[in-house]
C-alpha cells in the first residue's frame, strides 16, 4: 500500500496552453487503479501530500478532500502536485477529453520518467527538473472576467456571482487567496500577481456596472 495520500482541490484558472484537438481515447483502467499507481510512483520519489486539481466547484469537494460522486467537472485539464526528494513537482495536462484520463496520463508519465534511470543516463533526477519549474512560470496576462471569477471563487464560500457584483465579497475572497498565495505565506510571486490581476479585473467590472 502506498504511503502517499491525495486530496482533490479546485483547479481555478487553467493557465496552461489549451490542447486542440484533445485525444478522445479513454484508458480502460478503473479510477482506483489509476490512483493506486499514481501514489505508488509518488512513493518511489519519496513524495507525499498529493493534490489533484480539477475544474470543480469548491462545494463539490468533500471535507475529506474527495470529489462528490455527482460533481460536475468543466474543463478537463488537471494539475497533479506533490512534494518529492527533488523538490515540489507539478504536472499539468489537458491532452485528453476527460479529467480522469488526464490524471492517468500523469501517472504514466511518472513511470516513463522513472524508467530513464534504468539505463544509468541520469544520476541526480535531471529528468524532473523541468517539472519543478512549471509552477514558477509567469501566468498569462489579460484575464477575462470569467477567468478572474474562476480564479478567486475557490476562496469564496458564497455564490460566485457575488464576485461580479459585490466589492465586499471580492475583497474577502482576495484576502483569503492572499493568505495562501502571498510569498510571505509560502506562495509565489507569480501566483500572487495572478490573483491581484483577477481582483483588479473584477473590481473594474463592478465599478463599471455601478456607474
Protein backbone atom coordinates (compact mmCIF):
# COMPACT_ATOMS: atom_id res chain seq x y z
CA UNK A 1 0.00 0.00 0.00
CA UNK A 2 1.25 3.47 -0.88
CA UNK A 3 2.25 5.79 1.94
CA UNK A 4 1.39 8.93 -0.02
CA UNK A 5 -2.12 10.30 0.31
CA UNK A 6 -4.08 12.54 -2.04
CA UNK A 7 -6.88 15.04 -1.99
CA UNK A 8 -8.88 16.83 -4.65
CA UNK A 9 -8.72 20.60 -4.92
CA UNK A 10 -10.39 23.22 -7.16
CA UNK A 11 -8.39 23.98 -10.27
CA UNK A 12 -9.18 27.66 -10.59
CA UNK A 13 -7.91 29.23 -13.81
CA UNK A 14 -6.41 26.91 -16.45
CA UNK A 15 -3.17 28.80 -17.04
CA UNK A 16 -1.52 26.37 -19.45
CA UNK A 17 -1.76 26.17 -23.26
CA UNK A 18 -5.02 24.56 -24.38
CA UNK A 19 -4.79 21.30 -26.34
CA UNK A 20 -6.86 21.36 -29.53
CA UNK A 21 -7.92 18.82 -30.58
CA UNK A 22 -7.79 16.65 -27.50
CA UNK A 23 -7.20 12.91 -27.61
CA UNK A 24 -10.59 11.12 -27.38
CA UNK A 25 -9.01 7.88 -26.17
CA UNK A 26 -10.22 6.53 -22.86
CA UNK A 27 -7.87 4.45 -20.76
CA UNK A 28 -9.67 1.23 -19.87
CA UNK A 29 -8.49 1.27 -16.29
CA UNK A 30 -10.60 1.76 -13.14
CA UNK A 31 -10.13 5.06 -11.33
CA UNK A 32 -8.97 3.27 -8.17
CA UNK A 33 -6.14 1.65 -10.10
CA UNK A 34 -5.08 5.00 -11.54
CA UNK A 35 -4.92 6.47 -8.04
CA UNK A 36 -3.02 3.47 -6.63
CA UNK A 37 -0.42 3.59 -9.41
CA UNK A 38 -0.05 7.37 -9.15
CA UNK A 39 0.54 7.19 -5.40
CA UNK A 40 2.99 4.32 -5.87
CA UNK A 41 5.03 6.47 -8.27
CA UNK A 42 4.98 9.33 -5.79
CA UNK A 43 6.16 6.95 -3.06
CA UNK A 44 9.15 5.98 -5.20
CA UNK A 45 10.09 9.67 -5.31
CA UNK A 46 9.85 9.86 -1.51
CA UNK A 47 6.83 12.09 -2.07
CA UNK A 48 3.72 12.93 -0.15
CA UNK A 49 0.85 15.43 0.00
CA UNK A 50 -0.52 14.75 -3.48
CA UNK A 51 -3.02 17.36 -4.68
CA UNK A 52 -5.12 16.63 -7.77
CA UNK A 53 -6.72 19.84 -9.00
CA UNK A 54 -9.84 19.60 -11.15
CA UNK A 55 -12.26 22.18 -12.52
CA UNK A 56 -14.97 21.57 -9.94
CA UNK A 57 -16.88 23.90 -7.66
CA UNK A 58 -15.38 24.01 -4.16
CA UNK A 59 -18.72 22.83 -2.77
CA UNK A 60 -18.30 19.59 -4.75
CA UNK A 61 -15.20 18.68 -2.76
CA UNK A 62 -15.98 16.92 0.49
CA UNK A 63 -14.36 17.74 3.81
CA UNK A 64 -12.17 14.64 3.49
CA UNK A 65 -10.71 16.03 0.26
CA UNK A 66 -12.55 13.71 -2.10
CA UNK A 67 -14.77 14.70 -5.02
CA UNK A 68 -18.50 14.19 -4.58
CA UNK A 69 -19.99 11.44 -6.74
CA UNK A 70 -22.25 13.85 -8.63
CA UNK A 71 -19.70 16.63 -9.01
CA UNK A 72 -19.63 18.42 -12.34
CA UNK A 73 -16.19 18.97 -13.79
CA UNK A 74 -15.90 21.61 -16.50
CA UNK A 75 -12.51 21.95 -18.20
CA UNK A 76 -10.81 18.54 -18.43
CA UNK A 77 -7.37 19.92 -17.60
CA UNK A 78 -5.81 18.78 -14.33
CA UNK A 79 -2.77 19.53 -12.21
CA UNK A 80 -1.04 16.98 -10.00
CA UNK A 81 1.32 18.41 -7.40
CA UNK A 82 3.33 16.75 -4.65
CA UNK A 83 6.48 17.01 -2.62
CA UNK A 84 9.46 14.82 -3.57
CA UNK A 85 13.16 14.37 -2.95
CA UNK A 86 13.69 16.59 -5.99
CA UNK A 87 11.56 19.37 -4.51
CA UNK A 88 7.91 20.24 -5.21
CA UNK A 89 6.75 18.85 -8.56
CA UNK A 90 3.73 19.88 -10.63
CA UNK A 91 2.38 18.14 -13.72
CA UNK A 92 -0.44 19.65 -15.77
CA UNK A 93 -2.22 18.39 -18.87
CA UNK A 94 -5.48 18.68 -20.79
CA UNK A 95 -4.39 16.32 -23.59
CA UNK A 96 -7.39 14.01 -23.11
CA UNK A 97 -11.12 14.68 -23.14
CA UNK A 98 -11.76 13.57 -19.55
CA UNK A 99 -10.06 14.70 -16.38
CA UNK A 100 -9.67 11.08 -15.22
CA UNK A 101 -7.71 10.22 -18.37
CA UNK A 102 -5.50 13.25 -17.82
CA UNK A 103 -4.68 12.05 -14.29
CA UNK A 104 -3.89 8.65 -15.80
CA UNK A 105 -1.58 10.33 -18.31
CA UNK A 106 0.38 11.97 -15.49
CA UNK A 107 0.74 8.63 -13.71
CA UNK A 108 2.09 7.02 -16.89
CA UNK A 109 4.44 9.97 -17.46
CA UNK A 110 5.92 9.49 -13.99
CA UNK A 111 6.51 5.82 -14.78
CA UNK A 112 8.27 6.79 -18.01
CA UNK A 113 10.46 9.37 -16.29
CA UNK A 114 11.49 6.84 -13.66
CA UNK A 115 12.43 4.38 -16.44
CA UNK A 116 15.10 6.82 -17.64
CA UNK A 117 17.18 5.94 -14.57
CA UNK A 118 17.28 2.27 -15.54
CA UNK A 119 19.91 2.94 -18.18
CA UNK A 120 22.25 4.97 -15.99
CA UNK A 121 21.83 8.13 -18.04
CA UNK A 122 20.78 10.30 -15.10
CA UNK A 123 22.16 10.30 -11.61
CA UNK A 124 20.53 13.21 -9.85
CA UNK A 125 16.96 13.28 -11.12
CA UNK A 126 17.72 15.61 -14.03
CA UNK A 127 14.60 14.44 -15.85
CA UNK A 128 12.42 16.02 -13.14
CA UNK A 129 13.96 19.49 -13.11
CA UNK A 130 11.78 20.89 -15.86
CA UNK A 131 8.71 19.99 -13.85
CA UNK A 132 9.91 21.81 -10.75
CA UNK A 133 10.00 24.97 -12.88
CA UNK A 134 6.43 24.65 -14.16
CA UNK A 135 4.86 26.12 -11.05
CA UNK A 136 7.18 29.13 -11.25
CA UNK A 137 6.30 30.13 -14.81
CA UNK A 138 4.61 33.53 -15.19
CA UNK A 139 0.87 33.31 -15.51
CA UNK A 140 -0.81 34.51 -18.68
CA UNK A 141 -1.92 38.11 -18.72
CA UNK A 142 -5.16 39.66 -19.88
CA UNK A 143 -7.66 37.82 -17.70
CA UNK A 144 -11.31 37.95 -18.66
CA UNK A 145 -14.00 38.50 -16.04
CA UNK A 146 -14.98 34.81 -16.22
CA UNK A 147 -11.38 33.71 -15.72
CA UNK A 148 -10.99 36.09 -12.79
CA UNK A 149 -14.12 34.67 -11.15
CA UNK A 150 -12.89 31.11 -11.61
CA UNK A 151 -9.55 32.04 -10.09
CA UNK A 152 -10.95 33.62 -6.92
CA UNK A 153 -14.11 31.57 -6.41
CA UNK A 154 -12.27 28.69 -4.62
CA UNK A 155 -11.50 31.23 -1.89
CA UNK A 156 -15.08 32.48 -1.56
CA UNK A 157 -17.71 30.30 0.17
CA UNK A 158 -20.67 32.19 -1.30
CA UNK A 159 -22.14 32.22 -4.84
CA UNK A 160 -19.55 33.05 -7.49
CA UNK A 161 -21.93 35.72 -8.82
CA UNK A 162 -21.10 37.74 -5.69
CA UNK A 163 -17.59 38.29 -7.04
CA UNK A 164 -19.06 40.09 -10.05
CA UNK A 165 -21.40 42.27 -8.02
CA UNK A 166 -20.04 42.95 -4.54
CA UNK A 167 -16.82 44.76 -3.65
CA UNK A 168 -17.10 43.35 -0.12
CA UNK A 169 -17.26 39.76 -1.38
CA UNK A 170 -14.42 40.39 -3.80
CA UNK A 171 -12.27 41.89 -1.05
CA UNK A 172 -12.93 38.92 1.25
CA UNK A 173 -12.10 36.40 -1.50
CA UNK A 174 -8.89 38.24 -2.35
CA UNK A 175 -7.78 38.36 1.29
CA UNK A 176 -8.34 34.61 1.62
CA UNK A 177 -6.42 33.96 -1.60
CA UNK A 178 -3.61 36.25 -0.48
CA UNK A 179 -3.19 34.32 2.76
CA UNK A 180 -2.44 31.24 0.66
CA UNK A 181 -0.50 32.70 -2.26
CA UNK A 182 1.49 35.62 -0.83
CA UNK A 183 5.25 34.90 -0.94
CA UNK A 184 5.50 35.63 2.79
CA UNK A 185 2.99 32.83 3.40
CA UNK A 186 4.85 30.28 1.28
CA UNK A 187 3.26 31.19 -2.07
CA UNK A 188 4.98 32.52 -5.18
CA UNK A 189 5.27 36.00 -6.63
CA UNK A 190 3.66 34.82 -9.89
CA UNK A 191 0.65 33.31 -8.12
CA UNK A 192 0.16 36.45 -6.06
CA UNK A 193 0.35 38.65 -9.17
CA UNK A 194 -2.27 36.46 -10.83
CA UNK A 195 -4.80 36.77 -8.02
CA UNK A 196 -4.06 40.50 -7.79
CA UNK A 197 -4.83 40.84 -11.51
CA UNK A 198 -8.06 38.86 -11.00
CA UNK A 199 -9.09 41.25 -8.22
CA UNK A 200 -8.34 44.30 -10.37
CA UNK A 201 -10.32 42.90 -13.32
CA UNK A 202 -13.37 42.18 -11.18
CA UNK A 203 -13.17 45.46 -9.29
CA UNK A 204 -13.12 47.37 -12.57
CA UNK A 205 -16.12 45.36 -13.82
CA UNK A 206 -18.10 46.02 -10.63
CA UNK A 207 -17.40 49.73 -10.69
CA UNK A 208 -18.19 49.99 -14.39
CA UNK A 209 -21.55 48.37 -13.73
CA UNK A 210 -22.45 50.78 -10.93
CA UNK A 211 -21.83 53.98 -12.81
